[in-house]
């Protein structure tokens, strides 16, 4: 047994978000895993048709049910949801 010092992870805004949103993190990991295994195929943006869209979860209890949105439209939908007060950021 060694007395090596424990490595502390750097606390970032992302790590704080991960710690306080376990269900969302689980859904994101499930989606990444499904894409990697070929169970899902990344779609084009459902608004503008741009390739390599991000998966937007409307319901984190359904991690593979996503709407494909380019980064611009994904940000816009999150901004709208935040403005309406129905988004846990």
PDB file of N, CA and C in Angstrom:
ATOM      1  N   UNK A   1       0.846  -1.176   0.000  1.00  0.00           N
ATOM      2  CA  UNK A   1       0.000   0.000   0.000  1.00  0.00           C
ATOM      3  C   UNK A   1       0.887   1.233   0.000  1.00  0.00           C
ATOM      4  N   UNK A   2       0.576   2.168  -0.865  1.00  0.00           N
ATOM      5  CA  UNK A   2       1.396   3.366  -0.950  1.00  0.00           C
ATOM      6  C   UNK A   2       0.668   4.531  -0.318  1.00  0.00           C
ATOM      7  N   UNK A   3       1.425   5.489   0.019  1.00  0.00           N
ATOM      8  CA  UNK A   3       0.855   6.716   0.583  1.00  0.00           C
ATOM      9  C   UNK A   3       0.827   7.817  -0.455  1.00  0.00           C
ATOM     10  N   UNK A   4       0.538   7.439  -1.674  1.00  0.00           N
ATOM     11  CA  UNK A   4       0.465   8.418  -2.754  1.00  0.00           C
ATOM     12  C   UNK A   4      -0.687   9.382  -2.488  1.00  0.00           C
ATOM     13  N   UNK A   5      -0.457  10.650  -2.777  1.00  0.00           N
ATOM     14  CA  UNK A   5      -1.532  11.626  -2.552  1.00  0.00           C
ATOM     15  C   UNK A   5      -2.697  11.367  -3.496  1.00  0.00           C
ATOM     16  N   UNK A   6      -3.898  11.606  -3.000  1.00  0.00           N
ATOM     17  CA  UNK A   6      -5.090  11.461  -3.840  1.00  0.00           C
ATOM     18  C   UNK A   6      -5.093  12.579  -4.869  1.00  0.00           C
ATOM     19  N   UNK A   7      -5.465  12.213  -6.064  1.00  0.00           N
ATOM     20  CA  UNK A   7      -5.599  13.224  -7.106  1.00  0.00           C
ATOM     21  C   UNK A   7      -6.965  13.866  -6.963  1.00  0.00           C
ATOM     22  N   UNK A   8      -6.966  15.139  -6.866  1.00  0.00           N
ATOM     23  CA  UNK A   8      -8.259  15.816  -6.802  1.00  0.00           C
ATOM     24  C   UNK A   8      -8.584  16.311  -8.200  1.00  0.00           C
ATOM     25  N   UNK A   9      -9.832  16.119  -8.581  1.00  0.00           N
ATOM     26  CA  UNK A   9     -10.196  16.581  -9.914  1.00  0.00           C
ATOM     27  C   UNK A   9     -10.456  18.076  -9.851  1.00  0.00           C
ATOM     28  N   UNK A  10     -10.144  18.717 -10.934  1.00  0.00           N
ATOM     29  CA  UNK A  10     -10.359  20.148 -11.028  1.00  0.00           C
ATOM     30  C   UNK A  10     -11.861  20.411 -11.074  1.00  0.00           C
ATOM     31  N   UNK A  11     -12.329  21.300 -10.245  1.00  0.00           N
ATOM     32  CA  UNK A  11     -13.753  21.616 -10.217  1.00  0.00           C
ATOM     33  C   UNK A  11     -14.033  22.664 -11.289  1.00  0.00           C
ATOM     34  N   UNK A  12     -14.772  22.229 -12.282  1.00  0.00           N
ATOM     35  CA  UNK A  12     -15.138  23.112 -13.386  1.00  0.00           C
ATOM     36  C   UNK A  12     -16.653  23.278 -13.399  1.00  0.00           C
ATOM     37  N   UNK A  13     -17.121  24.195 -14.203  1.00  0.00           N
ATOM     38  CA  UNK A  13     -18.570  24.365 -14.308  1.00  0.00           C
ATOM     39  C   UNK A  13     -19.192  23.080 -14.852  1.00  0.00           C
ATOM     40  N   UNK A  14     -18.473  22.387 -15.743  1.00  0.00           N
ATOM     41  CA  UNK A  14     -18.999  21.135 -16.293  1.00  0.00           C
ATOM     42  C   UNK A  14     -19.085  20.060 -15.214  1.00  0.00           C
ATOM     43  N   UNK A  15     -18.053  19.944 -14.374  1.00  0.00           N
ATOM     44  CA  UNK A  15     -18.088  18.914 -13.328  1.00  0.00           C
ATOM     45  C   UNK A  15     -19.161  19.231 -12.284  1.00  0.00           C
ATOM     46  N   UNK A  16     -19.379  20.516 -11.999  1.00  0.00           N
ATOM     47  CA  UNK A  16     -20.470  20.881 -11.074  1.00  0.00           C
ATOM     48  C   UNK A  16     -21.818  20.519 -11.678  1.00  0.00           C
ATOM     49  N   UNK A  17     -21.977  20.783 -12.994  1.00  0.00           N
ATOM     50  CA  UNK A  17     -23.235  20.434 -13.666  1.00  0.00           C
ATOM     51  C   UNK A  17     -23.431  18.923 -13.615  1.00  0.00           C
ATOM     52  N   UNK A  18     -22.387  18.158 -13.939  1.00  0.00           N
ATOM     53  CA  UNK A  18     -22.480  16.700 -13.911  1.00  0.00           C
ATOM     54  C   UNK A  18     -22.903  16.197 -12.537  1.00  0.00           C
ATOM     55  N   UNK A  19     -22.312  16.751 -11.482  1.00  0.00           N
ATOM     56  CA  UNK A  19     -22.627  16.318 -10.122  1.00  0.00           C
ATOM     57  C   UNK A  19     -24.063  16.626  -9.729  1.00  0.00           C
ATOM     58  N   UNK A  20     -24.603  17.715 -10.239  1.00  0.00           N
ATOM     59  CA  UNK A  20     -25.952  18.105  -9.825  1.00  0.00           C
ATOM     60  C   UNK A  20     -27.051  17.661 -10.795  1.00  0.00           C
ATOM     61  N   UNK A  21     -26.689  16.979 -11.879  1.00  0.00           N
ATOM     62  CA  UNK A  21     -27.675  16.509 -12.862  1.00  0.00           C
ATOM     63  C   UNK A  21     -27.402  15.059 -13.254  1.00  0.00           C
ATOM     64  N   UNK A  22     -27.523  14.122 -12.312  1.00  0.00           N
ATOM     65  CA  UNK A  22     -27.174  12.727 -12.619  1.00  0.00           C
ATOM     66  C   UNK A  22     -28.047  12.091 -13.699  1.00  0.00           C
ATOM     67  N   UNK A  23     -29.324  12.409 -13.734  1.00  0.00           N
ATOM     68  CA  UNK A  23     -30.200  11.796 -14.744  1.00  0.00           C
ATOM     69  C   UNK A  23     -29.835  12.289 -16.142  1.00  0.00           C
ATOM     70  N   UNK A  24     -29.570  13.583 -16.261  1.00  0.00           N
ATOM     71  CA  UNK A  24     -29.195  14.139 -17.548  1.00  0.00           C
ATOM     72  C   UNK A  24     -27.864  13.555 -18.016  1.00  0.00           C
ATOM     73  N   UNK A  25     -26.914  13.421 -17.101  1.00  0.00           N
ATOM     74  CA  UNK A  25     -25.619  12.843 -17.427  1.00  0.00           C
ATOM     75  C   UNK A  25     -25.792  11.395 -17.900  1.00  0.00           C
ATOM     76  N   UNK A  26     -26.631  10.641 -17.215  1.00  0.00           N
ATOM     77  CA  UNK A  26     -26.917   9.262 -17.609  1.00  0.00           C
ATOM     78  C   UNK A  26     -27.490   9.207 -19.020  1.00  0.00           C
ATOM     79  N   UNK A  27     -28.431  10.099 -19.329  1.00  0.00           N
ATOM     80  CA  UNK A  27     -29.053  10.117 -20.654  1.00  0.00           C
ATOM     81  C   UNK A  27     -28.018  10.449 -21.726  1.00  0.00           C
ATOM     82  N   UNK A  28     -27.151  11.406 -21.450  1.00  0.00           N
ATOM     83  CA  UNK A  28     -26.108  11.775 -22.412  1.00  0.00           C
ATOM     84  C   UNK A  28     -25.152  10.610 -22.649  1.00  0.00           C
ATOM     85  N   UNK A  29     -24.779   9.918 -21.581  1.00  0.00           N
ATOM     86  CA  UNK A  29     -23.878   8.771 -21.712  1.00  0.00           C
ATOM     87  C   UNK A  29     -24.542   7.631 -22.489  1.00  0.00           C
ATOM     88  N   UNK A  30     -25.831   7.412 -22.237  1.00  0.00           N
ATOM     89  CA  UNK A  30     -26.557   6.358 -22.955  1.00  0.00           C
ATOM     90  C   UNK A  30     -26.627   6.674 -24.446  1.00  0.00           C
ATOM     91  N   UNK A  31     -26.857   7.923 -24.784  1.00  0.00           N
ATOM     92  CA  UNK A  31     -26.922   8.323 -26.183  1.00  0.00           C
ATOM     93  C   UNK A  31     -25.560   8.139 -26.851  1.00  0.00           C
ATOM     94  N   UNK A  32     -24.483   8.585 -26.186  1.00  0.00           N
ATOM     95  CA  UNK A  32     -23.138   8.406 -26.742  1.00  0.00           C
ATOM     96  C   UNK A  32     -22.827   6.925 -26.967  1.00  0.00           C
ATOM     97  N   UNK A  33     -23.202   6.094 -26.014  1.00  0.00           N
ATOM     98  CA  UNK A  33     -22.950   4.665 -26.124  1.00  0.00           C
ATOM     99  C   UNK A  33     -23.723   4.063 -27.301  1.00  0.00           C
ATOM    100  N   UNK A  34     -24.976   4.438 -27.445  1.00  0.00           N
ATOM    101  CA  UNK A  34     -25.797   3.917 -28.546  1.00  0.00           C
ATOM    102  C   UNK A  34     -25.227   4.348 -29.898  1.00  0.00           C
ATOM    103  N   UNK A  35     -24.745   5.570 -29.994  1.00  0.00           N
ATOM    104  CA  UNK A  35     -24.137   6.040 -31.239  1.00  0.00           C
ATOM    105  C   UNK A  35     -22.858   5.255 -31.532  1.00  0.00           C
ATOM    106  N   UNK A  36     -22.042   5.073 -30.512  1.00  0.00           N
ATOM    107  CA  UNK A  36     -20.763   4.361 -30.676  1.00  0.00           C
ATOM    108  C   UNK A  36     -20.989   2.909 -31.101  1.00  0.00           C
ATOM    109  N   UNK A  37     -22.025   2.276 -30.553  1.00  0.00           N
ATOM    110  CA  UNK A  37     -22.317   0.878 -30.869  1.00  0.00           C
ATOM    111  C   UNK A  37     -23.110   0.714 -32.166  1.00  0.00           C
ATOM    112  N   UNK A  38     -23.513   1.822 -32.781  1.00  0.00           N
ATOM    113  CA  UNK A  38     -24.270   1.755 -34.025  1.00  0.00           C
ATOM    114  C   UNK A  38     -25.745   1.478 -33.834  1.00  0.00           C
ATOM    115  N   UNK A  39     -26.229   1.595 -32.605  1.00  0.00           N
ATOM    116  CA  UNK A  39     -27.650   1.378 -32.340  1.00  0.00           C
ATOM    117  C   UNK A  39     -28.496   2.551 -32.815  1.00  0.00           C
ATOM    118  N   UNK A  40     -27.883   3.718 -32.878  1.00  0.00           N
ATOM    119  CA  UNK A  40     -28.512   4.928 -33.407  1.00  0.00           C
ATOM    120  C   UNK A  40     -27.559   5.533 -34.421  1.00  0.00           C
ATOM    121  N   UNK A  41     -28.106   6.246 -35.369  1.00  0.00           N
ATOM    122  CA  UNK A  41     -27.297   6.972 -36.340  1.00  0.00           C
ATOM    123  C   UNK A  41     -27.584   8.448 -36.154  1.00  0.00           C
ATOM    124  N   UNK A  42     -26.502   9.216 -36.029  1.00  0.00           N
ATOM    125  CA  UNK A  42     -26.637  10.668 -35.857  1.00  0.00           C
ATOM    126  C   UNK A  42     -27.348  11.246 -37.074  1.00  0.00           C
ATOM    127  N   UNK A  43     -28.356  12.049 -36.813  1.00  0.00           N
ATOM    128  CA  UNK A  43     -29.123  12.639 -37.898  1.00  0.00           C
ATOM    129  C   UNK A  43     -28.676  14.041 -38.242  1.00  0.00           C
ATOM    130  N   UNK A  44     -29.286  14.586 -39.263  1.00  0.00           N
ATOM    131  CA  UNK A  44     -29.077  15.981 -39.626  1.00  0.00           C
ATOM    132  C   UNK A  44     -30.006  16.846 -38.786  1.00  0.00           C
ATOM    133  N   UNK A  45     -29.686  18.129 -38.701  1.00  0.00           N
ATOM    134  CA  UNK A  45     -30.517  19.057 -37.939  1.00  0.00           C
ATOM    135  C   UNK A  45     -31.940  19.036 -38.482  1.00  0.00           C
ATOM    136  N   UNK A  46     -32.893  18.878 -37.587  1.00  0.00           N
ATOM    137  CA  UNK A  46     -34.302  18.811 -37.991  1.00  0.00           C
ATOM    138  C   UNK A  46     -34.866  20.175 -38.369  1.00  0.00           C
ATOM    139  N   UNK A  47     -34.088  21.242 -38.131  1.00  0.00           N
ATOM    140  CA  UNK A  47     -34.536  22.586 -38.491  1.00  0.00           C
ATOM    141  C   UNK A  47     -33.945  23.015 -39.833  1.00  0.00           C
ATOM    142  N   UNK A  48     -32.608  22.902 -39.963  1.00  0.00           N
ATOM    143  CA  UNK A  48     -31.947  23.426 -41.154  1.00  0.00           C
ATOM    144  C   UNK A  48     -31.280  22.363 -42.017  1.00  0.00           C
ATOM    145  N   UNK A  49     -31.206  21.124 -41.545  1.00  0.00           N
ATOM    146  CA  UNK A  49     -30.607  20.054 -42.328  1.00  0.00           C
ATOM    147  C   UNK A  49     -29.095  19.939 -42.227  1.00  0.00           C
ATOM    148  N   UNK A  50     -28.469  20.725 -41.361  1.00  0.00           N
ATOM    149  CA  UNK A  50     -27.014  20.663 -41.209  1.00  0.00           C
ATOM    150  C   UNK A  50     -26.592  19.276 -40.726  1.00  0.00           C
ATOM    151  N   UNK A  51     -25.469  18.770 -41.241  1.00  0.00           N
ATOM    152  CA  UNK A  51     -24.996  17.444 -40.809  1.00  0.00           C
ATOM    153  C   UNK A  51     -24.382  17.490 -39.415  1.00  0.00           C
ATOM    154  N   UNK A  52     -24.153  16.311 -38.846  1.00  0.00           N
ATOM    155  CA  UNK A  52     -23.502  16.174 -37.527  1.00  0.00           C
ATOM    156  C   UNK A  52     -24.228  16.923 -36.426  1.00  0.00           C
ATOM    157  N   UNK A  53     -25.514  16.746 -36.346  1.00  0.00           N
ATOM    158  CA  UNK A  53     -26.321  17.432 -35.339  1.00  0.00           C
ATOM    159  C   UNK A  53     -26.142  16.783 -33.963  1.00  0.00           C
ATOM    160  N   UNK A  54     -26.449  17.544 -32.929  1.00  0.00           N
ATOM    161  CA  UNK A  54     -26.434  17.058 -31.550  1.00  0.00           C
ATOM    162  C   UNK A  54     -27.804  16.494 -31.215  1.00  0.00           C
ATOM    163  N   UNK A  55     -27.852  15.531 -30.304  1.00  0.00           N
ATOM    164  CA  UNK A  55     -29.124  14.992 -29.848  1.00  0.00           C
ATOM    165  C   UNK A  55     -29.661  15.837 -28.702  1.00  0.00           C
ATOM    166  N   UNK A  56     -30.869  16.350 -28.858  1.00  0.00           N
ATOM    167  CA  UNK A  56     -31.516  17.137 -27.803  1.00  0.00           C
ATOM    168  C   UNK A  56     -32.552  16.249 -27.111  1.00  0.00           C
ATOM    169  N   UNK A  57     -32.399  16.107 -25.803  1.00  0.00           N
ATOM    170  CA  UNK A  57     -33.342  15.307 -25.015  1.00  0.00           C
ATOM    171  C   UNK A  57     -34.499  16.180 -24.551  1.00  0.00           C
ATOM    172  N   UNK A  58     -35.694  15.814 -24.946  1.00  0.00           N
ATOM    173  CA  UNK A  58     -36.886  16.484 -24.421  1.00  0.00           C
ATOM    174  C   UNK A  58     -37.284  15.847 -23.096  1.00  0.00           C
ATOM    175  N   UNK A  59     -36.995  14.543 -22.969  1.00  0.00           N
ATOM    176  CA  UNK A  59     -37.348  13.786 -21.767  1.00  0.00           C
ATOM    177  C   UNK A  59     -36.158  12.900 -21.406  1.00  0.00           C
ATOM    178  N   UNK A  60     -35.488  13.207 -20.305  1.00  0.00           N
ATOM    179  CA  UNK A  60     -34.290  12.464 -19.912  1.00  0.00           C
ATOM    180  C   UNK A  60     -34.602  11.033 -19.472  1.00  0.00           C
ATOM    181  N   UNK A  61     -35.857  10.710 -19.248  1.00  0.00           N
ATOM    182  CA  UNK A  61     -36.225   9.333 -18.937  1.00  0.00           C
ATOM    183  C   UNK A  61     -36.229   8.464 -20.197  1.00  0.00           C
ATOM    184  N   UNK A  62     -36.118   9.087 -21.348  1.00  0.00           N
ATOM    185  CA  UNK A  62     -36.084   8.377 -22.638  1.00  0.00           C
ATOM    186  C   UNK A  62     -34.800   8.781 -23.364  1.00  0.00           C
ATOM    187  N   UNK A  63     -33.665   8.240 -22.936  1.00  0.00           N
ATOM    188  CA  UNK A  63     -32.368   8.739 -23.402  1.00  0.00           C
ATOM    189  C   UNK A  63     -32.079   8.548 -24.887  1.00  0.00           C
ATOM    190  N   UNK A  64     -32.767   7.640 -25.548  1.00  0.00           N
ATOM    191  CA  UNK A  64     -32.509   7.432 -26.970  1.00  0.00           C
ATOM    192  C   UNK A  64     -33.534   8.129 -27.854  1.00  0.00           C
ATOM    193  N   UNK A  65     -34.479   8.822 -27.247  1.00  0.00           N
ATOM    194  CA  UNK A  65     -35.487   9.592 -27.976  1.00  0.00           C
ATOM    195  C   UNK A  65     -35.018  11.043 -28.015  1.00  0.00           C
ATOM    196  N   UNK A  66     -34.340  11.395 -29.102  1.00  0.00           N
ATOM    197  CA  UNK A  66     -33.773  12.736 -29.201  1.00  0.00           C
ATOM    198  C   UNK A  66     -34.234  13.421 -30.469  1.00  0.00           C
ATOM    199  N   UNK A  67     -34.156  14.728 -30.439  1.00  0.00           N
ATOM    200  CA  UNK A  67     -34.392  15.549 -31.614  1.00  0.00           C
ATOM    201  C   UNK A  67     -33.002  15.986 -32.074  1.00  0.00           C
ATOM    202  N   UNK A  68     -32.676  15.799 -33.345  1.00  0.00           N
ATOM    203  CA  UNK A  68     -31.359  16.148 -33.849  1.00  0.00           C
ATOM    204  C   UNK A  68     -31.344  17.613 -34.251  1.00  0.00           C
ATOM    205  N   UNK A  69     -30.412  18.353 -33.632  1.00  0.00           N
ATOM    206  CA  UNK A  69     -30.307  19.797 -33.869  1.00  0.00           C
ATOM    207  C   UNK A  69     -28.845  20.192 -34.039  1.00  0.00           C
ATOM    208  N   UNK A  70     -28.574  21.094 -34.982  1.00  0.00           N
ATOM    209  CA  UNK A  70     -27.224  21.633 -35.109  1.00  0.00           C
ATOM    210  C   UNK A  70     -26.928  22.450 -33.845  1.00  0.00           C
ATOM    211  N   UNK A  71     -25.691  22.783 -33.645  1.00  0.00           N
ATOM    212  CA  UNK A  71     -25.302  23.489 -32.421  1.00  0.00           C
ATOM    213  C   UNK A  71     -26.077  24.802 -32.259  1.00  0.00           C
ATOM    214  N   UNK A  72     -26.256  25.546 -33.350  1.00  0.00           N
ATOM    215  CA  UNK A  72     -26.982  26.814 -33.292  1.00  0.00           C
ATOM    216  C   UNK A  72     -28.424  26.604 -32.828  1.00  0.00           C
ATOM    217  N   UNK A  73     -29.135  25.679 -33.448  1.00  0.00           N
ATOM    218  CA  UNK A  73     -30.533  25.457 -33.094  1.00  0.00           C
ATOM    219  C   UNK A  73     -30.670  24.791 -31.727  1.00  0.00           C
ATOM    220  N   UNK A  74     -29.684  23.984 -31.339  1.00  0.00           N
ATOM    221  CA  UNK A  74     -29.703  23.377 -30.012  1.00  0.00           C
ATOM    222  C   UNK A  74     -29.589  24.469 -28.944  1.00  0.00           C
ATOM    223  N   UNK A  75     -28.660  25.397 -29.156  1.00  0.00           N
ATOM    224  CA  UNK A  75     -28.525  26.520 -28.208  1.00  0.00           C
ATOM    225  C   UNK A  75     -29.806  27.338 -28.150  1.00  0.00           C
ATOM    226  N   UNK A  76     -30.405  27.595 -29.310  1.00  0.00           N
ATOM    227  CA  UNK A  76     -31.624  28.401 -29.350  1.00  0.00           C
ATOM    228  C   UNK A  76     -32.757  27.748 -28.567  1.00  0.00           C
ATOM    229  N   UNK A  77     -32.914  26.441 -28.696  1.00  0.00           N
ATOM    230  CA  UNK A  77     -34.001  25.770 -27.985  1.00  0.00           C
ATOM    231  C   UNK A  77     -33.753  25.811 -26.479  1.00  0.00           C
ATOM    232  N   UNK A  78     -32.482  25.671 -26.053  1.00  0.00           N
ATOM    233  CA  UNK A  78     -32.183  25.755 -24.626  1.00  0.00           C
ATOM    234  C   UNK A  78     -32.401  27.178 -24.094  1.00  0.00           C
ATOM    235  N   UNK A  79     -32.038  28.179 -24.874  1.00  0.00           N
ATOM    236  CA  UNK A  79     -32.288  29.568 -24.462  1.00  0.00           C
ATOM    237  C   UNK A  79     -33.779  29.829 -24.318  1.00  0.00           C
ATOM    238  N   UNK A  80     -34.568  29.322 -25.271  1.00  0.00           N
ATOM    239  CA  UNK A  80     -36.021  29.500 -25.207  1.00  0.00           C
ATOM    240  C   UNK A  80     -36.600  28.798 -23.985  1.00  0.00           C
ATOM    241  N   UNK A  81     -36.139  27.572 -23.727  1.00  0.00           N
ATOM    242  CA  UNK A  81     -36.635  26.823 -22.570  1.00  0.00           C
ATOM    243  C   UNK A  81     -36.261  27.530 -21.271  1.00  0.00           C
ATOM    244  N   UNK A  82     -35.059  28.076 -21.207  1.00  0.00           N
ATOM    245  CA  UNK A  82     -34.623  28.794 -20.007  1.00  0.00           C
ATOM    246  C   UNK A  82     -35.479  30.045 -19.795  1.00  0.00           C
ATOM    247  N   UNK A  83     -35.759  30.742 -20.898  1.00  0.00           N
ATOM    248  CA  UNK A  83     -36.586  31.952 -20.825  1.00  0.00           C
ATOM    249  C   UNK A  83     -37.988  31.621 -20.325  1.00  0.00           C
ATOM    250  N   UNK A  84     -38.517  30.476 -20.758  1.00  0.00           N
ATOM    251  CA  UNK A  84     -39.855  30.061 -20.353  1.00  0.00           C
ATOM    252  C   UNK A  84     -39.877  29.453 -18.949  1.00  0.00           C
ATOM    253  N   UNK A  85     -38.692  29.230 -18.385  1.00  0.00           N
ATOM    254  CA  UNK A  85     -38.611  28.713 -17.033  1.00  0.00           C
ATOM    255  C   UNK A  85     -38.858  27.220 -16.906  1.00  0.00           C
ATOM    256  N   UNK A  86     -38.752  26.489 -17.994  1.00  0.00           N
ATOM    257  CA  UNK A  86     -38.989  25.041 -17.912  1.00  0.00           C
ATOM    258  C   UNK A  86     -37.737  24.252 -18.308  1.00  0.00           C
ATOM    259  N   UNK A  87     -36.608  24.735 -17.859  1.00  0.00           N
ATOM    260  CA  UNK A  87     -35.364  24.040 -18.159  1.00  0.00           C
ATOM    261  C   UNK A  87     -34.480  24.036 -16.927  1.00  0.00           C
ATOM    262  N   UNK A  88     -33.984  22.874 -16.573  1.00  0.00           N
ATOM    263  CA  UNK A  88     -33.098  22.753 -15.404  1.00  0.00           C
ATOM    264  C   UNK A  88     -31.657  22.897 -15.826  1.00  0.00           C
ATOM    265  N   UNK A  89     -31.143  24.106 -15.831  1.00  0.00           N
ATOM    266  CA  UNK A  89     -29.748  24.328 -16.199  1.00  0.00           C
ATOM    267  C   UNK A  89     -28.871  24.423 -14.994  1.00  0.00           C
TER     268      UNK A  89
END
